[in-house]
Amino acid sequence: MTAARDDDVYTLLVQVGRSEGDGLPDGTTGAALLCYASGKDEKSAVDATVQVLRQAEMAPLEVESYGARTERLTAGEDIGAEDNALMDRALAENAVLVVSVTTFDD
């Protein structure tokens, strides 16, 4: 499935708690996941991200959006080549990509 012409890629920071089968290391209390998600708007990108993470047996607690790529570029933000390539992939595949995981300890 390819993305619609008016879709964009959203940068989302998702905090997850622990759940059985989540794949997080033993001893951690949760994690922050940096995700790139395609969507026609922010709500659809957030909804798709939460759905994908739940299917992966993760427990999303909070989602913070840093905006669409076009909004970020318009605001003058510099997005590196590697991140742009990942965003292009998310858009082309109409996908949610987890690009970074930071685990939390007590």
PDB file of N, CA and C in Angstrom:
ATOM      1  N   MET A   1       0.846  -1.176   0.000  1.00  0.00           N
ATOM      2  CA  MET A   1       0.000   0.000   0.000  1.00  0.00           C
ATOM      3  C   MET A   1       0.891   1.239   0.000  1.00  0.00           C
ATOM      4  N   THR A   2       0.654   2.145  -0.897  1.00  0.00           N
ATOM      5  CA  THR A   2       1.449   3.363  -0.945  1.00  0.00           C
ATOM      6  C   THR A   2       0.662   4.510  -0.344  1.00  0.00           C
ATOM      7  N   ALA A   3       1.387   5.511   0.098  1.00  0.00           N
ATOM      8  CA  ALA A   3       0.762   6.662   0.747  1.00  0.00           C
ATOM      9  C   ALA A   3       0.015   7.518  -0.270  1.00  0.00           C
ATOM     10  N   ALA A   4      -1.035   8.141   0.189  1.00  0.00           N
ATOM     11  CA  ALA A   4      -1.778   9.075  -0.653  1.00  0.00           C
ATOM     12  C   ALA A   4      -0.937  10.326  -0.887  1.00  0.00           C
ATOM     13  N   ARG A   5      -1.252  11.038  -1.960  1.00  0.00           N
ATOM     14  CA  ARG A   5      -0.469  12.219  -2.310  1.00  0.00           C
ATOM     15  C   ARG A   5      -0.453  13.276  -1.229  1.00  0.00           C
ATOM     16  N   ASP A   6      -1.529  13.395  -0.466  1.00  0.00           N
ATOM     17  CA  ASP A   6      -1.584  14.445   0.546  1.00  0.00           C
ATOM     18  C   ASP A   6      -1.105  13.985   1.922  1.00  0.00           C
ATOM     19  N   ASP A   7      -0.592  12.769   2.021  1.00  0.00           N
ATOM     20  CA  ASP A   7      -0.052  12.294   3.289  1.00  0.00           C
ATOM     21  C   ASP A   7       1.262  13.001   3.596  1.00  0.00           C
ATOM     22  N   ASP A   8       1.592  13.035   4.865  1.00  0.00           N
ATOM     23  CA  ASP A   8       2.865  13.587   5.324  1.00  0.00           C
ATOM     24  C   ASP A   8       3.430  12.614   6.346  1.00  0.00           C
ATOM     25  N   VAL A   9       4.611  12.906   6.835  1.00  0.00           N
ATOM     26  CA  VAL A   9       5.243  12.065   7.855  1.00  0.00           C
ATOM     27  C   VAL A   9       5.338  12.881   9.138  1.00  0.00           C
ATOM     28  N   TYR A  10       4.894  12.277  10.218  1.00  0.00           N
ATOM     29  CA  TYR A  10       4.874  12.927  11.523  1.00  0.00           C
ATOM     30  C   TYR A  10       5.942  12.322  12.416  1.00  0.00           C
ATOM     31  N   THR A  11       6.584  13.177  13.191  1.00  0.00           N
ATOM     32  CA  THR A  11       7.577  12.746  14.170  1.00  0.00           C
ATOM     33  C   THR A  11       6.867  12.656  15.510  1.00  0.00           C
ATOM     34  N   LEU A  12       6.877  11.451  16.082  1.00  0.00           N
ATOM     35  CA  LEU A  12       6.147  11.193  17.327  1.00  0.00           C
ATOM     36  C   LEU A  12       7.081  10.612  18.377  1.00  0.00           C
ATOM     37  N   LEU A  13       6.936  11.069  19.597  1.00  0.00           N
ATOM     38  CA  LEU A  13       7.643  10.490  20.731  1.00  0.00           C
ATOM     39  C   LEU A  13       6.602   9.783  21.581  1.00  0.00           C
ATOM     40  N   VAL A  14       6.744   8.467  21.704  1.00  0.00           N
ATOM     41  CA  VAL A  14       5.759   7.651  22.402  1.00  0.00           C
ATOM     42  C   VAL A  14       6.391   7.069  23.665  1.00  0.00           C
ATOM     43  N   GLN A  15       5.770   7.330  24.793  1.00  0.00           N
ATOM     44  CA  GLN A  15       6.204   6.695  26.037  1.00  0.00           C
ATOM     45  C   GLN A  15       5.380   5.438  26.233  1.00  0.00           C
ATOM     46  N   VAL A  16       6.072   4.341  26.513  1.00  0.00           N
ATOM     47  CA  VAL A  16       5.392   3.069  26.738  1.00  0.00           C
ATOM     48  C   VAL A  16       5.741   2.541  28.122  1.00  0.00           C
ATOM     49  N   GLY A  17       4.761   1.874  28.720  1.00  0.00           N
ATOM     50  CA  GLY A  17       4.983   1.181  29.980  1.00  0.00           C
ATOM     51  C   GLY A  17       5.328  -0.271  29.683  1.00  0.00           C
ATOM     52  N   ARG A  18       5.362  -1.072  30.705  1.00  0.00           N
ATOM     53  CA  ARG A  18       5.690  -2.482  30.543  1.00  0.00           C
ATOM     54  C   ARG A  18       4.428  -3.304  30.322  1.00  0.00           C
ATOM     55  N   SER A  19       4.564  -4.321  29.498  1.00  0.00           N
ATOM     56  CA  SER A  19       3.518  -5.320  29.327  1.00  0.00           C
ATOM     57  C   SER A  19       4.196  -6.619  28.931  1.00  0.00           C
ATOM     58  N   GLU A  20       3.532  -7.709  29.237  1.00  0.00           N
ATOM     59  CA  GLU A  20       4.104  -9.018  28.935  1.00  0.00           C
ATOM     60  C   GLU A  20       4.321  -9.156  27.425  1.00  0.00           C
ATOM     61  N   GLY A  21       5.515  -9.583  27.051  1.00  0.00           N
ATOM     62  CA  GLY A  21       5.829  -9.796  25.645  1.00  0.00           C
ATOM     63  C   GLY A  21       6.232  -8.549  24.888  1.00  0.00           C
ATOM     64  N   ASP A  22       6.530  -7.446  25.614  1.00  0.00           N
ATOM     65  CA  ASP A  22       6.843  -6.190  24.929  1.00  0.00           C
ATOM     66  C   ASP A  22       8.245  -6.139  24.334  1.00  0.00           C
ATOM     67  N   GLY A  23       9.114  -7.070  24.702  1.00  0.00           N
ATOM     68  CA  GLY A  23      10.461  -7.113  24.132  1.00  0.00           C
ATOM     69  C   GLY A  23      11.450  -6.155  24.756  1.00  0.00           C
ATOM     70  N   LEU A  24      11.026  -5.407  25.766  1.00  0.00           N
ATOM     71  CA  LEU A  24      11.953  -4.502  26.441  1.00  0.00           C
ATOM     72  C   LEU A  24      12.847  -5.295  27.386  1.00  0.00           C
ATOM     73  N   PRO A  25      14.053  -4.807  27.642  1.00  0.00           N
ATOM     74  CA  PRO A  25      14.977  -5.536  28.522  1.00  0.00           C
ATOM     75  C   PRO A  25      14.436  -5.690  29.939  1.00  0.00           C
ATOM     76  N   ASP A  26      14.802  -6.807  30.574  1.00  0.00           N
ATOM     77  CA  ASP A  26      14.440  -7.033  31.974  1.00  0.00           C
ATOM     78  C   ASP A  26      14.979  -5.889  32.821  1.00  0.00           C
ATOM     79  N   GLY A  27      14.222  -5.497  33.817  1.00  0.00           N
ATOM     80  CA  GLY A  27      14.656  -4.459  34.737  1.00  0.00           C
ATOM     81  C   GLY A  27      14.284  -3.050  34.311  1.00  0.00           C
ATOM     82  N   THR A  28      13.775  -2.882  33.110  1.00  0.00           N
ATOM     83  CA  THR A  28      13.350  -1.549  32.687  1.00  0.00           C
ATOM     84  C   THR A  28      11.895  -1.329  33.072  1.00  0.00           C
ATOM     85  N   THR A  29      11.537  -0.069  33.227  1.00  0.00           N
ATOM     86  CA  THR A  29      10.169   0.268  33.622  1.00  0.00           C
ATOM     87  C   THR A  29       9.338   0.763  32.445  1.00  0.00           C
ATOM     88  N   GLY A  30       9.969   0.945  31.314  1.00  0.00           N
ATOM     89  CA  GLY A  30       9.289   1.432  30.117  1.00  0.00           C
ATOM     90  C   GLY A  30      10.300   1.991  29.153  1.00  0.00           C
ATOM     91  N   ALA A  31       9.814   2.750  28.176  1.00  0.00           N
ATOM     92  CA  ALA A  31      10.729   3.296  27.172  1.00  0.00           C
ATOM     93  C   ALA A  31      10.099   4.483  26.468  1.00  0.00           C
ATOM     94  N   ALA A  32      10.945   5.246  25.826  1.00  0.00           N
ATOM     95  CA  ALA A  32      10.515   6.312  24.922  1.00  0.00           C
ATOM     96  C   ALA A  32      10.899   5.865  23.514  1.00  0.00           C
ATOM     97  N   LEU A  33       9.936   5.883  22.610  1.00  0.00           N
ATOM     98  CA  LEU A  33      10.161   5.456  21.236  1.00  0.00           C
ATOM     99  C   LEU A  33      10.000   6.651  20.313  1.00  0.00           C
ATOM    100  N   LEU A  34      11.030   6.943  19.533  1.00  0.00           N
ATOM    101  CA  LEU A  34      10.927   7.971  18.514  1.00  0.00           C
ATOM    102  C   LEU A  34      10.442   7.286  17.247  1.00  0.00           C
ATOM    103  N   CYS A  35       9.322   7.768  16.714  1.00  0.00           N
ATOM    104  CA  CYS A  35       8.696   7.129  15.555  1.00  0.00           C
ATOM    105  C   CYS A  35       8.462   8.141  14.443  1.00  0.00           C
ATOM    106  N   TYR A  36       8.543   7.647  13.213  1.00  0.00           N
ATOM    107  CA  TYR A  36       8.098   8.393  12.041  1.00  0.00           C
ATOM    108  C   TYR A  36       6.887   7.644  11.511  1.00  0.00           C
ATOM    109  N   ALA A  37       5.772   8.359  11.375  1.00  0.00           N
ATOM    110  CA  ALA A  37       4.526   7.720  10.947  1.00  0.00           C
ATOM    111  C   ALA A  37       3.872   8.539   9.847  1.00  0.00           C
ATOM    112  N   SER A  38       3.466   7.850   8.794  1.00  0.00           N
ATOM    113  CA  SER A  38       2.759   8.540   7.718  1.00  0.00           C
ATOM    114  C   SER A  38       1.290   8.691   8.107  1.00  0.00           C
ATOM    115  N   GLY A  39       0.665   9.718   7.550  1.00  0.00           N
ATOM    116  CA  GLY A  39      -0.746   9.930   7.804  1.00  0.00           C
ATOM    117  C   GLY A  39      -1.268  11.137   7.065  1.00  0.00           C
ATOM    118  N   LYS A  40      -2.575  11.157   6.870  1.00  0.00           N
ATOM    119  CA  LYS A  40      -3.197  12.308   6.204  1.00  0.00           C
ATOM    120  C   LYS A  40      -3.269  13.503   7.136  1.00  0.00           C
ATOM    121  N   ASP A  41      -3.214  13.235   8.442  1.00  0.00           N
ATOM    122  CA  ASP A  41      -3.169  14.285   9.451  1.00  0.00           C
ATOM    123  C   ASP A  41      -2.537  13.700  10.710  1.00  0.00           C
ATOM    124  N   GLU A  42      -2.316  14.574  11.691  1.00  0.00           N
ATOM    125  CA  GLU A  42      -1.646  14.137  12.915  1.00  0.00           C
ATOM    126  C   GLU A  42      -2.430  13.040  13.641  1.00  0.00           C
ATOM    127  N   LYS A  43      -3.740  13.185  13.716  1.00  0.00           N
ATOM    128  CA  LYS A  43      -4.565  12.193  14.416  1.00  0.00           C
ATOM    129  C   LYS A  43      -4.418  10.813  13.793  1.00  0.00           C
ATOM    130  N   SER A  44      -4.447  10.729  12.464  1.00  0.00           N
ATOM    131  CA  SER A  44      -4.336   9.420  11.821  1.00  0.00           C
ATOM    132  C   SER A  44      -2.947   8.820  12.036  1.00  0.00           C
ATOM    133  N   ALA A  45      -1.910   9.649  12.067  1.00  0.00           N
ATOM    134  CA  ALA A  45      -0.558   9.149  12.328  1.00  0.00           C
ATOM    135  C   ALA A  45      -0.435   8.628  13.759  1.00  0.00           C
ATOM    136  N   VAL A  46      -1.008   9.369  14.703  1.00  0.00           N
ATOM    137  CA  VAL A  46      -0.971   8.940  16.105  1.00  0.00           C
ATOM    138  C   VAL A  46      -1.769   7.646  16.278  1.00  0.00           C
ATOM    139  N   ASP A  47      -2.963   7.599  15.712  1.00  0.00           N
ATOM    140  CA  ASP A  47      -3.804   6.401  15.834  1.00  0.00           C
ATOM    141  C   ASP A  47      -3.103   5.173  15.254  1.00  0.00           C
ATOM    142  N   ALA A  48      -2.482   5.314  14.087  1.00  0.00           N
ATOM    143  CA  ALA A  48      -1.778   4.192  13.463  1.00  0.00           C
ATOM    144  C   ALA A  48      -0.604   3.745  14.317  1.00  0.00           C
ATOM    145  N   THR A  49       0.107   4.704  14.891  1.00  0.00           N
ATOM    146  CA  THR A  49       1.265   4.374  15.726  1.00  0.00           C
ATOM    147  C   THR A  49       0.838   3.608  16.967  1.00  0.00           C
ATOM    148  N   VAL A  50      -0.190   4.075  17.639  1.00  0.00           N
ATOM    149  CA  VAL A  50      -0.687   3.392  18.841  1.00  0.00           C
ATOM    150  C   VAL A  50      -1.155   1.983  18.478  1.00  0.00           C
ATOM    151  N   GLN A  51      -1.855   1.842  17.372  1.00  0.00           N
ATOM    152  CA  GLN A  51      -2.342   0.526  16.948  1.00  0.00           C
ATOM    153  C   GLN A  51      -1.177  -0.428  16.672  1.00  0.00           C
ATOM    154  N   VAL A  52      -0.166   0.031  15.967  1.00  0.00           N
ATOM    155  CA  VAL A  52       0.989  -0.815  15.653  1.00  0.00           C
ATOM    156  C   VAL A  52       1.708  -1.229  16.940  1.00  0.00           C
ATOM    157  N   LEU A  53       1.890  -0.294  17.860  1.00  0.00           N
ATOM    158  CA  LEU A  53       2.588  -0.621  19.107  1.00  0.00           C
ATOM    159  C   LEU A  53       1.784  -1.598  19.957  1.00  0.00           C
ATOM    160  N   ARG A  54       0.482  -1.460  19.977  1.00  0.00           N
ATOM    161  CA  ARG A  54      -0.353  -2.421  20.718  1.00  0.00           C
ATOM    162  C   ARG A  54      -0.272  -3.808  20.092  1.00  0.00           C
ATOM    163  N   GLN A  55      -0.234  -3.867  18.761  1.00  0.00           N
ATOM    164  CA  GLN A  55      -0.090  -5.154  18.085  1.00  0.00           C
ATOM    165  C   GLN A  55       1.249  -5.797  18.408  1.00  0.00           C
ATOM    166  N   ALA A  56       2.250  -4.972  18.717  1.00  0.00           N
ATOM    167  CA  ALA A  56       3.572  -5.471  19.103  1.00  0.00           C
ATOM    168  C   ALA A  56       3.656  -5.752  20.600  1.00  0.00           C
ATOM    169  N   GLU A  57       2.495  -5.798  21.265  1.00  0.00           N
ATOM    170  CA  GLU A  57       2.375  -6.085  22.691  1.00  0.00           C
ATOM    171  C   GLU A  57       3.033  -5.039  23.574  1.00  0.00           C
ATOM    172  N   MET A  58       3.115  -3.802  23.082  1.00  0.00           N
ATOM    173  CA  MET A  58       3.630  -2.702  23.884  1.00  0.00           C
ATOM    174  C   MET A  58       2.442  -1.968  24.502  1.00  0.00           C
ATOM    175  N   ALA A  59       2.733  -1.150  25.508  1.00  0.00           N
ATOM    176  CA  ALA A  59       1.684  -0.436  26.240  1.00  0.00           C
ATOM    177  C   ALA A  59       1.889   1.077  26.119  1.00  0.00           C
ATOM    178  N   PRO A  60       1.405   1.689  25.019  1.00  0.00           N
ATOM    179  CA  PRO A  60       1.563   3.142  24.860  1.00  0.00           C
ATOM    180  C   PRO A  60       0.836   3.904  25.971  1.00  0.00           C
ATOM    181  N   LEU A  61       1.536   4.865  26.565  1.00  0.00           N
ATOM    182  CA  LEU A  61       0.965   5.664  27.640  1.00  0.00           C
ATOM    183  C   LEU A  61       0.698   7.099  27.199  1.00  0.00           C
ATOM    184  N   GLU A  62       1.614   7.635  26.411  1.00  0.00           N
ATOM    185  CA  GLU A  62       1.514   9.037  26.002  1.00  0.00           C
ATOM    186  C   GLU A  62       2.200   9.214  24.659  1.00  0.00           C
ATOM    187  N   VAL A  63       1.611  10.048  23.806  1.00  0.00           N
ATOM    188  CA  VAL A  63       2.195  10.346  22.500  1.00  0.00           C
ATOM    189  C   VAL A  63       2.341  11.854  22.378  1.00  0.00           C
ATOM    190  N   GLU A  64       3.550  12.288  22.060  1.00  0.00           N
ATOM    191  CA  GLU A  64       3.819  13.706  21.828  1.00  0.00           C
ATOM    192  C   GLU A  64       4.236  13.871  20.376  1.00  0.00           C
ATOM    193  N   SER A  65       3.591  14.784  19.672  1.00  0.00           N
ATOM    194  CA  SER A  65       3.910  15.017  18.268  1.00  0.00           C
ATOM    195  C   SER A  65       4.821  16.220  18.132  1.00  0.00           C
ATOM    196  N   TYR A  66       5.825  16.080  17.280  1.00  0.00           N
ATOM    197  CA  TYR A  66       6.705  17.193  16.939  1.00  0.00           C
ATOM    198  C   TYR A  66       6.317  17.788  15.599  1.00  0.00           C
ATOM    199  N   GLY A  67       5.197  17.326  15.030  1.00  0.00           N
ATOM    200  CA  GLY A  67       4.661  17.889  13.805  1.00  0.00           C
ATOM    201  C   GLY A  67       5.021  17.104  12.562  1.00  0.00           C
ATOM    202  N   ALA A  68       4.425  17.560  11.464  1.00  0.00           N
ATOM    203  CA  ALA A  68       4.670  16.960  10.160  1.00  0.00           C
ATOM    204  C   ALA A  68       6.012  17.449   9.613  1.00  0.00           C
ATOM    205  N   ARG A  69       6.606  16.650   8.754  1.00  0.00           N
ATOM    206  CA  ARG A  69       7.881  17.038   8.159  1.00  0.00           C
ATOM    207  C   ARG A  69       7.757  18.390   7.459  1.00  0.00           C
ATOM    208  N   THR A  70       6.681  18.591   6.696  1.00  0.00           N
ATOM    209  CA  THR A  70       6.534  19.864   5.988  1.00  0.00           C
ATOM    210  C   THR A  70       6.450  21.036   6.961  1.00  0.00           C
ATOM    211  N   GLU A  71       5.769  20.858   8.085  1.00  0.00           N
ATOM    212  CA  GLU A  71       5.678  21.908   9.099  1.00  0.00           C
ATOM    213  C   GLU A  71       7.049  22.186   9.712  1.00  0.00           C
ATOM    214  N   ARG A  72       7.780  21.139   9.996  1.00  0.00           N
ATOM    215  CA  ARG A  72       9.095  21.292  10.612  1.00  0.00           C
ATOM    216  C   ARG A  72      10.059  22.010   9.668  1.00  0.00           C
ATOM    217  N   LEU A  73      10.014  21.649   8.393  1.00  0.00           N
ATOM    218  CA  LEU A  73      10.880  22.305   7.410  1.00  0.00           C
ATOM    219  C   LEU A  73      10.490  23.767   7.211  1.00  0.00           C
ATOM    220  N   THR A  74       9.182  24.029   7.165  1.00  0.00           N
ATOM    221  CA  THR A  74       8.693  25.401   7.018  1.00  0.00           C
ATOM    222  C   THR A  74       9.133  26.266   8.195  1.00  0.00           C
ATOM    223  N   ALA A  75       9.215  25.672   9.378  1.00  0.00           N
ATOM    224  CA  ALA A  75       9.640  26.389  10.577  1.00  0.00           C
ATOM    225  C   ALA A  75      11.155  26.584  10.621  1.00  0.00           C
ATOM    226  N   GLY A  76      11.861  26.068   9.613  1.00  0.00           N
ATOM    227  CA  GLY A  76      13.304  26.257   9.545  1.00  0.00           C
ATOM    228  C   GLY A  76      14.127  25.177  10.215  1.00  0.00           C
ATOM    229  N   GLU A  77      13.480  24.115  10.639  1.00  0.00           N
ATOM    230  CA  GLU A  77      14.210  23.023  11.289  1.00  0.00           C
ATOM    231  C   GLU A  77      15.048  22.274  10.259  1.00  0.00           C
ATOM    232  N   ASP A  78      16.248  21.906  10.646  1.00  0.00           N
ATOM    233  CA  ASP A  78      17.135  21.140   9.775  1.00  0.00           C
ATOM    234  C   ASP A  78      16.933  19.659  10.063  1.00  0.00           C
ATOM    235  N   ILE A  79      16.549  18.905   9.046  1.00  0.00           N
ATOM    236  CA  ILE A  79      16.367  17.460   9.186  1.00  0.00           C
ATOM    237  C   ILE A  79      17.468  16.791   8.381  1.00  0.00           C
ATOM    238  N   GLY A  80      18.279  15.979   9.031  1.00  0.00           N
ATOM    239  CA  GLY A  80      19.429  15.345   8.392  1.00  0.00           C
ATOM    240  C   GLY A  80      19.038  14.348   7.317  1.00  0.00           C
ATOM    241  N   ALA A  81      20.022  13.983   6.519  1.00  0.00           N
ATOM    242  CA  ALA A  81      19.810  13.079   5.390  1.00  0.00           C
ATOM    243  C   ALA A  81      19.296  11.712   5.837  1.00  0.00           C
ATOM    244  N   GLU A  82      19.838  11.175   6.922  1.00  0.00           N
ATOM    245  CA  GLU A  82      19.403   9.859   7.399  1.00  0.00           C
ATOM    246  C   GLU A  82      17.939   9.898   7.848  1.00  0.00           C
ATOM    247  N   ASP A  83      17.572  10.942   8.596  1.00  0.00           N
ATOM    248  CA  ASP A  83      16.185  11.066   9.037  1.00  0.00           C
ATOM    249  C   ASP A  83      15.248  11.297   7.856  1.00  0.00           C
ATOM    250  N   ASN A  84      15.674  12.104   6.886  1.00  0.00           N
ATOM    251  CA  ASN A  84      14.860  12.312   5.687  1.00  0.00           C
ATOM    252  C   ASN A  84      14.629  11.005   4.941  1.00  0.00           C
ATOM    253  N   ALA A  85      15.670  10.175   4.857  1.00  0.00           N
ATOM    254  CA  ALA A  85      15.536   8.884   4.178  1.00  0.00           C
ATOM    255  C   ALA A  85      14.538   7.983   4.916  1.00  0.00           C
ATOM    256  N   LEU A  86      14.595   7.988   6.240  1.00  0.00           N
ATOM    257  CA  LEU A  86      13.651   7.193   7.029  1.00  0.00           C
ATOM    258  C   LEU A  86      12.232   7.721   6.871  1.00  0.00           C
ATOM    259  N   MET A  87      12.078   9.034   6.835  1.00  0.00           N
ATOM    260  CA  MET A  87      10.760   9.630   6.625  1.00  0.00           C
ATOM    261  C   MET A  87      10.226   9.288   5.237  1.00  0.00           C
ATOM    262  N   ASP A  88      11.100   9.329   4.233  1.00  0.00           N
ATOM    263  CA  ASP A  88      10.697   8.933   2.877  1.00  0.00           C
ATOM    264  C   ASP A  88      10.207   7.496   2.862  1.00  0.00           C
ATOM    265  N   ARG A  89      10.907   6.631   3.593  1.00  0.00           N
ATOM    266  CA  ARG A  89      10.513   5.216   3.661  1.00  0.00           C
ATOM    267  C   ARG A  89       9.149   5.064   4.328  1.00  0.00           C
ATOM    268  N   ALA A  90       8.948   5.755   5.448  1.00  0.00           N
ATOM    269  CA  ALA A  90       7.653   5.684   6.139  1.00  0.00           C
ATOM    270  C   ALA A  90       6.535   6.145   5.215  1.00  0.00           C
ATOM    271  N   LEU A  91       6.781   7.199   4.459  1.00  0.00           N
ATOM    272  CA  LEU A  91       5.769   7.720   3.544  1.00  0.00           C
ATOM    273  C   LEU A  91       5.513   6.754   2.395  1.00  0.00           C
ATOM    274  N   ALA A  92       6.581   6.238   1.789  1.00  0.00           N
ATOM    275  CA  ALA A  92       6.444   5.330   0.647  1.00  0.00           C
ATOM    276  C   ALA A  92       5.735   4.037   1.030  1.00  0.00           C
ATOM    277  N   GLU A  93       6.000   3.549   2.250  1.00  0.00           N
ATOM    278  CA  GLU A  93       5.423   2.284   2.705  1.00  0.00           C
ATOM    279  C   GLU A  93       4.141   2.482   3.507  1.00  0.00           C
ATOM    280  N   ASN A  94       3.720   3.746   3.684  1.00  0.00           N
ATOM    281  CA  ASN A  94       2.554   4.046   4.513  1.00  0.00           C
ATOM    282  C   ASN A  94       2.691   3.308   5.846  1.00  0.00           C
ATOM    283  N   ALA A  95       3.806   3.590   6.527  1.00  0.00           N
ATOM    284  CA  ALA A  95       4.201   2.787   7.672  1.00  0.00           C
ATOM    285  C   ALA A  95       4.511   3.633   8.901  1.00  0.00           C
ATOM    286  N   VAL A  96       4.671   2.922  10.010  1.00  0.00           N
ATOM    287  CA  VAL A  96       5.173   3.488  11.248  1.00  0.00           C
ATOM    288  C   VAL A  96       6.554   2.879  11.460  1.00  0.00           C
ATOM    289  N   LEU A  97       7.568   3.728  11.564  1.00  0.00           N
ATOM    290  CA  LEU A  97       8.924   3.257  11.819  1.00  0.00           C
ATOM    291  C   LEU A  97       9.362   3.704  13.202  1.00  0.00           C
ATOM    292  N   VAL A  98       9.836   2.758  14.009  1.00  0.00           N
ATOM    293  CA  VAL A  98      10.448   3.098  15.296  1.00  0.00           C
ATOM    294  C   VAL A  98      11.927   3.304  15.012  1.00  0.00           C
ATOM    295  N   VAL A  99      12.408   4.522  15.178  1.00  0.00           N
ATOM    296  CA  VAL A  99      13.779   4.832  14.788  1.00  0.00           C
ATOM    297  C   VAL A  99      14.735   4.928  15.958  1.00  0.00           C
ATOM    298  N   SER A 100      14.193   5.006  17.177  1.00  0.00           N
ATOM    299  CA  SER A 100      15.043   5.080  18.354  1.00  0.00           C
ATOM    300  C   SER A 100      14.266   4.602  19.575  1.00  0.00           C
ATOM    301  N   VAL A 101      14.947   3.861  20.442  1.00  0.00           N
ATOM    302  CA  VAL A 101      14.339   3.371  21.690  1.00  0.00           C
ATOM    303  C   VAL A 101      15.258   3.747  22.844  1.00  0.00           C
ATOM    304  N   THR A 102      14.718   4.463  23.814  1.00  0.00           N
ATOM    305  CA  THR A 102      15.456   4.800  25.023  1.00  0.00           C
ATOM    306  C   THR A 102      14.695   4.169  26.190  1.00  0.00           C
ATOM    307  N   THR A 103      15.327   3.223  26.867  1.00  0.00           N
ATOM    308  CA  THR A 103      14.650   2.537  27.964  1.00  0.00           C
ATOM    309  C   THR A 103      14.796   3.325  29.268  1.00  0.00           C
ATOM    310  N   PHE A 104      13.820   3.115  30.167  1.00  0.00           N
ATOM    311  CA  PHE A 104      13.809   3.762  31.468  1.00  0.00           C
ATOM    312  C   PHE A 104      14.075   2.720  32.550  1.00  0.00           C
ATOM    313  N   ASP A 105      14.920   3.105  33.502  1.00  0.00           N
ATOM    314  CA  ASP A 105      15.185   2.277  34.672  1.00  0.00           C
ATOM    315  C   ASP A 105      14.634   2.993  35.890  1.00  0.00           C
ATOM    316  N   ASP A 106      14.436   2.225  36.984  1.00  0.00           N
ATOM    317  CA  ASP A 106      13.965   2.863  38.217  1.00  0.00           C
ATOM    318  C   ASP A 106      14.947   3.887  38.707  1.00  0.00           C
TER     319      ASP A 106
END
